[in-house]
């Protein structure tokens, strides 16, 4: 049975906001003034939307000067991330604990935030040899929204719930809502729905006291300040989100044993460059010569982690696989268990 809230969400998705509390570009003309006045008032409270009068003549400056200003703006982002590292670390530890028990990592966002989530998820299989279903990026409007905006999609909480339900979300999964403003209905709705299902929730935004952070168990607010171009949150806000998403996926994979030191020992050698990198990783980890490396990779079907264990542990390829299974993929633990 369709609830009133669901009907209202569906209305927003198709440009028909029945309550006029989530304005949309295709509202009926008589409602536009009231709707947009409310939304403008909301935006005026957001740091990411603030106007910077000192940059009002930036279009008159020489290109080199604009580049210098922009570079200086970007340089402030890591410091803003550093202020929230305890919150980031806590979220990562909670994520890794669930993923170690079979959970998945799911990013959900709209526009730039959604694209960044999809990008981070898509990098995990080649970097860490994860199954594509382990780290998933959801963008409002679906895959086509990666290259072209899908009108109204970001305004729907219902759409976020439907996208998560299609994944058959469980309590072992982690859902990261990503939104620079911290108010995007799709991201907030994803976190709210995931939390109702018992999943771990993280809200990543770039405004303080955001709705998204309040909705999540782990709120991460990276306040980078107003953008060079007013409201263009693909700039500093996008950079901040990318840095945090890098941390979430990379450190989680480190905790899951996907690395040996700072070597990508679970890399999937799917092209010539990665096959060459695989051999270099084995060499760096073991100090073995080319002949020994080739023999170890041949004995382990090209698996880098297994080949390192064959060389350093002095075991056969089959034994290396068994030891890694018993250690849940952690190479250091497998080496300690080797005869």
Protein backbone atom coordinates (compact mmCIF):
# COMPACT_ATOMS: atom_id res chain seq x y z
CA UNK A 1 0.00 0.00 0.00
CA UNK A 2 1.40 3.42 -0.98
CA UNK A 3 1.73 5.81 1.94
CA UNK A 4 1.18 9.55 1.79
CA UNK A 5 4.94 10.17 2.18
CA UNK A 6 5.68 7.76 -0.69
CA UNK A 7 3.16 9.53 -2.93
CA UNK A 8 4.77 12.84 -2.05
CA UNK A 9 8.23 11.45 -2.85
CA UNK A 10 6.97 10.11 -6.19
CA UNK A 11 5.50 13.53 -6.87
CA UNK A 12 8.85 15.19 -6.26
CA UNK A 13 10.62 12.69 -8.52
CA UNK A 14 8.30 13.67 -11.38
CA UNK A 15 8.31 17.36 -10.58
CA UNK A 16 5.02 17.42 -8.64
CA UNK A 17 5.67 18.39 -5.02
CA UNK A 18 2.32 17.97 -3.30
CA UNK A 19 3.47 19.52 -0.03
CA UNK A 20 5.66 22.27 -1.50
CA UNK A 21 8.39 21.50 1.03
CA UNK A 22 10.94 20.17 -1.51
CA UNK A 23 10.85 22.69 -4.38
CA UNK A 24 11.40 21.47 -7.92
CA UNK A 25 11.88 23.26 -11.21
CA UNK A 26 8.60 21.92 -12.63
CA UNK A 27 6.25 23.00 -9.85
CA UNK A 28 3.13 24.74 -11.00
CA UNK A 29 3.74 28.46 -11.58
CA UNK A 30 1.49 29.56 -8.74
CA UNK A 31 3.64 27.65 -6.23
CA UNK A 32 7.07 28.63 -7.43
CA UNK A 33 7.46 31.80 -5.41
CA UNK A 34 6.60 30.18 -2.11
CA UNK A 35 8.62 27.00 -2.80
CA UNK A 36 11.76 28.70 -4.02
CA UNK A 37 11.65 31.28 -1.25
CA UNK A 38 11.81 28.46 1.29
CA UNK A 39 14.62 26.66 -0.52
CA UNK A 40 16.57 29.89 -0.98
CA UNK A 41 16.27 30.50 2.76
CA UNK A 42 17.64 27.00 3.42
CA UNK A 43 20.54 27.49 1.03
CA UNK A 44 21.39 30.84 2.61
CA UNK A 45 22.17 29.06 5.87
CA UNK A 46 24.70 26.66 4.27
CA UNK A 47 28.40 27.44 4.39
CA UNK A 48 28.88 25.65 1.07
CA UNK A 49 26.45 28.10 -0.58
CA UNK A 50 27.87 31.31 0.89
CA UNK A 51 28.74 34.18 -1.47
CA UNK A 52 32.25 35.63 -1.29
CA UNK A 53 32.20 39.31 -2.29
CA UNK A 54 36.01 39.47 -2.38
CA UNK A 55 35.90 37.19 -5.43
CA UNK A 56 33.17 39.08 -7.26
CA UNK A 57 35.65 40.31 -9.91
CA UNK A 58 37.54 37.04 -10.32
CA UNK A 59 36.55 36.87 -13.99
CA UNK A 60 38.61 40.04 -14.60
CA UNK A 61 41.83 38.56 -13.21
CA UNK A 62 44.65 37.04 -15.29
CA UNK A 63 44.46 33.26 -15.66
CA UNK A 64 47.61 32.73 -13.61
CA UNK A 65 46.14 34.71 -10.72
CA UNK A 66 42.87 32.75 -10.79
CA UNK A 67 44.88 29.53 -10.76
CA UNK A 68 46.92 30.79 -7.78
CA UNK A 69 43.76 31.65 -5.85
CA UNK A 70 42.16 28.32 -6.68
CA UNK A 71 45.28 26.41 -5.65
CA UNK A 72 45.32 28.27 -2.36
CA UNK A 73 41.69 27.33 -1.77
CA UNK A 74 42.42 23.66 -2.44
CA UNK A 75 45.34 23.72 -0.02
CA UNK A 76 42.94 24.35 2.89
CA UNK A 77 41.00 21.12 2.36
CA UNK A 78 43.41 18.63 4.02
CA UNK A 79 43.41 20.72 7.20
CA UNK A 80 39.62 20.61 7.31
CA UNK A 81 39.73 16.83 6.91
CA UNK A 82 42.37 16.56 9.64
CA UNK A 83 40.00 18.15 12.14
CA UNK A 84 37.56 15.27 11.68
CA UNK A 85 40.00 12.33 11.64
CA UNK A 86 38.73 10.82 14.92
CA UNK A 87 35.22 10.63 13.44
CA UNK A 88 36.58 9.19 10.21
CA UNK A 89 38.59 6.54 12.06
CA UNK A 90 35.64 5.48 14.19
CA UNK A 91 33.47 5.08 11.10
CA UNK A 92 36.16 3.01 9.37
CA UNK A 93 36.64 0.68 12.32
CA UNK A 94 32.91 0.05 12.49
CA UNK A 95 32.77 -0.55 8.73
CA UNK A 96 35.71 -2.95 8.71
CA UNK A 97 34.27 -4.96 11.59
CA UNK A 98 31.06 -5.59 9.66
CA UNK A 99 32.77 -6.24 6.36
CA UNK A 100 34.99 -8.83 8.03
CA UNK A 101 31.77 -10.71 8.78
CA UNK A 102 30.59 -10.57 5.18
CA UNK A 103 29.03 -7.13 4.99
CA UNK A 104 29.16 -4.71 2.09
CA UNK A 105 30.09 -1.04 1.75
CA UNK A 106 27.48 1.04 -0.09
CA UNK A 107 27.84 4.69 -1.09
CA UNK A 108 24.71 6.72 -1.89
CA UNK A 109 24.61 10.25 -3.22
CA UNK A 110 23.43 12.56 -5.98
CA UNK A 111 25.34 14.62 -8.52
CA UNK A 112 29.03 15.08 -7.77
CA UNK A 113 28.73 13.27 -4.43
CA UNK A 114 27.11 10.28 -6.11
CA UNK A 115 29.73 10.19 -8.86
CA UNK A 116 32.53 10.23 -6.30
CA UNK A 117 30.95 7.26 -4.52
CA UNK A 118 30.61 5.31 -7.76
CA UNK A 119 34.22 6.15 -8.64
CA UNK A 120 35.54 4.94 -5.30
CA UNK A 121 33.52 1.73 -5.49
CA UNK A 122 34.62 0.99 -9.05
CA UNK A 123 38.29 1.27 -8.06
CA UNK A 124 38.09 -1.44 -5.40
CA UNK A 125 37.97 -4.57 -7.63
CA UNK A 126 41.18 -3.79 -9.58
CA UNK A 127 43.00 -2.42 -6.53
CA UNK A 128 41.96 -4.92 -3.87
CA UNK A 129 40.51 -7.81 -5.89
CA UNK A 130 37.13 -7.36 -4.23
CA UNK A 131 33.98 -8.75 -5.76
CA UNK A 132 32.02 -5.91 -7.47
CA UNK A 133 29.16 -6.56 -5.04
CA UNK A 134 31.33 -5.86 -1.97
CA UNK A 135 31.69 -2.12 -2.52
CA UNK A 136 28.76 -0.51 -4.35
CA UNK A 137 28.13 3.05 -5.49
CA UNK A 138 24.55 4.26 -5.87
CA UNK A 139 23.84 7.52 -7.64
CA UNK A 140 20.42 9.13 -7.73
CA UNK A 141 18.95 8.45 -11.15
CA UNK A 142 21.02 5.34 -11.84
CA UNK A 143 24.11 4.77 -14.02
CA UNK A 144 23.04 7.29 -16.67
CA UNK A 145 23.32 10.03 -14.01
CA UNK A 146 27.10 9.57 -14.06
CA UNK A 147 27.27 11.59 -17.27
CA UNK A 148 23.94 13.41 -17.42
CA UNK A 149 21.77 14.79 -14.63
CA UNK A 150 18.53 12.90 -14.05
CA UNK A 151 15.96 15.53 -13.24
CA UNK A 152 14.35 15.28 -9.82
CA UNK A 153 16.17 12.11 -8.78
CA UNK A 154 18.09 13.73 -5.93
CA UNK A 155 14.84 15.01 -4.42
CA UNK A 156 13.44 11.53 -3.67
CA UNK A 157 13.88 9.67 -0.42
CA UNK A 158 11.71 6.90 -1.85
CA UNK A 159 14.08 6.38 -4.76
CA UNK A 160 16.96 5.90 -2.33
CA UNK A 161 14.99 3.30 -0.37
CA UNK A 162 14.13 1.46 -3.57
CA UNK A 163 17.77 1.43 -4.69
CA UNK A 164 18.86 0.00 -1.34
CA UNK A 165 16.07 -2.57 -1.31
CA UNK A 166 17.28 -3.80 -4.69
CA UNK A 167 20.56 -4.70 -2.96
CA UNK A 168 18.71 -6.70 -0.27
CA UNK A 169 20.46 -4.73 2.47
CA UNK A 170 21.34 -6.55 5.70
CA UNK A 171 22.46 -5.54 9.19
CA UNK A 172 26.06 -6.41 8.24
CA UNK A 173 26.17 -3.75 5.52
CA UNK A 174 27.38 -0.16 5.79
CA UNK A 175 25.69 2.69 3.94
CA UNK A 176 27.53 5.98 3.47
CA UNK A 177 25.30 8.89 2.50
CA UNK A 178 27.34 11.55 0.71
CA UNK A 179 26.08 15.12 0.25
CA UNK A 180 28.01 18.38 0.32
CA UNK A 181 25.00 20.32 1.58
CA UNK A 182 24.02 17.59 4.03
CA UNK A 183 20.35 18.05 3.07
CA UNK A 184 20.03 16.14 -0.25
CA UNK A 185 16.88 14.01 0.15
CA UNK A 186 18.34 11.03 -1.73
CA UNK A 187 21.39 10.81 0.56
CA UNK A 188 19.42 11.50 3.75
CA UNK A 189 16.74 9.03 2.71
CA UNK A 190 19.33 6.35 2.02
CA UNK A 191 20.80 6.72 5.50
CA UNK A 192 17.41 6.79 7.19
CA UNK A 193 16.21 3.69 5.35
CA UNK A 194 19.46 1.81 5.96
CA UNK A 195 19.32 2.60 9.65
CA UNK A 196 15.77 1.30 9.89
CA UNK A 197 17.03 -1.97 8.40
CA UNK A 198 19.81 -2.21 11.01
CA UNK A 199 22.73 -1.42 8.71
CA UNK A 200 25.62 0.75 9.87
CA UNK A 201 25.20 4.32 8.63
CA UNK A 202 27.69 7.09 7.90
CA UNK A 203 26.77 10.61 6.82
CA UNK A 204 29.47 12.57 4.98
CA UNK A 205 28.75 16.26 4.40
CA UNK A 206 30.50 19.62 4.21
CA UNK A 207 28.23 21.69 6.46
CA UNK A 208 28.05 21.72 10.24
CA UNK A 209 24.89 20.53 12.01
CA UNK A 210 23.64 18.84 8.85
CA UNK A 211 20.50 16.73 8.54
CA UNK A 212 22.58 13.95 7.00
CA UNK A 213 25.03 13.71 9.89
CA UNK A 214 22.17 13.79 12.39
CA UNK A 215 20.45 10.90 10.61
CA UNK A 216 23.55 8.68 10.65
CA UNK A 217 25.25 6.80 13.46
CA UNK A 218 28.58 8.25 12.33
CA UNK A 219 28.36 11.85 11.17
CA UNK A 220 31.42 13.23 9.38
CA UNK A 221 31.21 16.94 8.59
CA UNK A 222 34.18 18.37 6.70
CA UNK A 223 33.56 22.12 6.73
CA UNK A 224 35.74 23.53 3.94
CA UNK A 225 34.02 26.91 3.74
CA UNK A 226 32.47 28.78 0.80
CA UNK A 227 33.50 27.77 -2.69
CA UNK A 228 35.49 29.81 -5.21
CA UNK A 229 32.38 29.76 -7.42
CA UNK A 230 29.34 30.24 -5.23
CA UNK A 231 27.64 26.91 -4.61
CA UNK A 232 29.92 24.88 -6.92
CA UNK A 233 30.46 22.02 -4.49
CA UNK A 234 32.39 19.93 -7.00
CA UNK A 235 35.36 22.09 -5.94
CA UNK A 236 36.58 22.09 -2.30
CA UNK A 237 33.64 20.07 -1.06
CA UNK A 238 34.16 17.47 -3.77
CA UNK A 239 37.86 17.29 -2.96
CA UNK A 240 37.11 16.82 0.74
CA UNK A 241 34.62 14.06 0.00
CA UNK A 242 37.10 12.32 -2.30
CA UNK A 243 39.78 12.41 0.41
CA UNK A 244 37.45 10.89 3.01
CA UNK A 245 36.11 8.23 0.63
CA UNK A 246 39.73 7.32 -0.17
CA UNK A 247 40.29 6.82 3.55
CA UNK A 248 37.13 4.79 4.10
CA UNK A 249 37.80 2.30 1.32
CA UNK A 250 41.59 2.11 1.60
CA UNK A 251 41.89 1.79 5.37
CA UNK A 252 38.96 -0.64 5.50
CA UNK A 253 40.79 -2.82 2.98
CA UNK A 254 43.98 -2.58 5.01
CA UNK A 255 42.04 -3.78 8.05
CA UNK A 256 40.63 -6.67 5.97
CA UNK A 257 44.13 -7.85 5.07
CA UNK A 258 44.06 -6.64 1.48
CA UNK A 259 47.57 -5.22 1.83
CA UNK A 260 50.95 -6.37 3.14
CA UNK A 261 52.56 -3.29 4.58
CA UNK A 262 51.89 -0.67 1.93
CA UNK A 263 51.86 -3.17 -0.93
CA UNK A 264 48.69 -3.99 -2.85
CA UNK A 265 49.04 -7.75 -2.55
CA UNK A 266 45.45 -8.40 -3.62
CA UNK A 267 45.79 -6.45 -6.86
CA UNK A 268 43.97 -8.03 -9.80
CA UNK A 269 46.37 -8.35 -12.73
CA UNK A 270 43.87 -7.66 -15.49
CA UNK A 271 46.19 -5.91 -17.96
CA UNK A 272 49.88 -5.71 -18.88
CA UNK A 273 50.61 -2.82 -16.52
CA UNK A 274 49.06 -4.64 -13.58
CA UNK A 275 50.85 -7.89 -14.46
CA UNK A 276 54.14 -5.98 -14.38
CA UNK A 277 53.09 -4.34 -11.11
CA UNK A 278 52.26 -7.76 -9.64
CA UNK A 279 55.80 -8.97 -10.27
CA UNK A 280 57.25 -5.79 -8.80
CA UNK A 281 55.11 -6.21 -5.66
CA UNK A 282 56.32 -9.77 -5.18
CA UNK A 283 59.90 -8.58 -5.64
CA UNK A 284 59.49 -5.76 -3.12
CA UNK A 285 57.90 -8.07 -0.56
CA UNK A 286 60.38 -10.93 -0.91
CA UNK A 287 63.60 -9.72 -2.53
CA UNK A 288 63.43 -12.79 -4.78
CA UNK A 289 64.92 -12.86 -8.28
CA UNK A 290 62.86 -12.97 -11.46
CA UNK A 291 63.07 -16.74 -11.89
CA UNK A 292 61.81 -17.43 -8.37
CA UNK A 293 59.02 -14.87 -8.76
CA UNK A 294 57.84 -16.39 -12.04
CA UNK A 295 57.88 -19.88 -10.53
CA UNK A 296 55.86 -18.74 -7.50
CA UNK A 297 53.28 -16.93 -9.63
CA UNK A 298 52.95 -19.97 -11.88
CA UNK A 299 52.36 -22.16 -8.82
CA UNK A 300 49.61 -19.83 -7.52
CA UNK A 301 47.76 -18.98 -10.74
CA UNK A 302 49.18 -15.48 -10.66
CA UNK A 303 47.88 -14.60 -7.18
CA UNK A 304 50.32 -12.08 -5.72
CA UNK A 305 49.55 -12.74 -2.06
CA UNK A 306 49.85 -16.50 -2.51
CA UNK A 307 53.12 -16.14 -4.43
CA UNK A 308 54.63 -14.08 -1.60
CA UNK A 309 53.60 -16.74 0.89
CA UNK A 310 55.15 -19.46 -1.29
CA UNK A 311 58.47 -17.62 -1.31
CA UNK A 312 58.62 -16.28 2.26
CA UNK A 313 56.85 -19.23 3.87
CA UNK A 314 58.58 -21.93 1.88
CA UNK A 315 55.29 -23.71 1.11
CA UNK A 316 53.64 -25.14 -1.99
CA UNK A 317 50.98 -23.25 -3.88
CA UNK A 318 48.12 -25.36 -2.51
CA UNK A 319 49.34 -24.96 1.05
CA UNK A 320 49.60 -21.19 0.58
CA UNK A 321 45.96 -21.07 -0.48
CA UNK A 322 44.89 -23.11 2.55
CA UNK A 323 46.87 -20.95 4.96
CA UNK A 324 45.37 -17.78 3.54
CA UNK A 325 41.88 -19.21 3.81
CA UNK A 326 42.49 -20.09 7.44
CA UNK A 327 43.85 -16.60 8.15
CA UNK A 328 40.88 -14.98 6.36
CA UNK A 329 43.20 -13.48 3.79
CA UNK A 330 45.67 -11.85 6.18
CA UNK A 331 49.15 -12.51 4.79
CA UNK A 332 51.03 -11.73 8.01
CA UNK A 333 48.90 -14.22 9.95
CA UNK A 334 49.40 -16.85 7.23
CA UNK A 335 53.17 -16.34 7.34
CA UNK A 336 53.17 -16.86 11.10
CA UNK A 337 51.19 -20.08 10.62
CA UNK A 338 53.47 -21.42 7.89
CA UNK A 339 55.62 -24.44 8.90
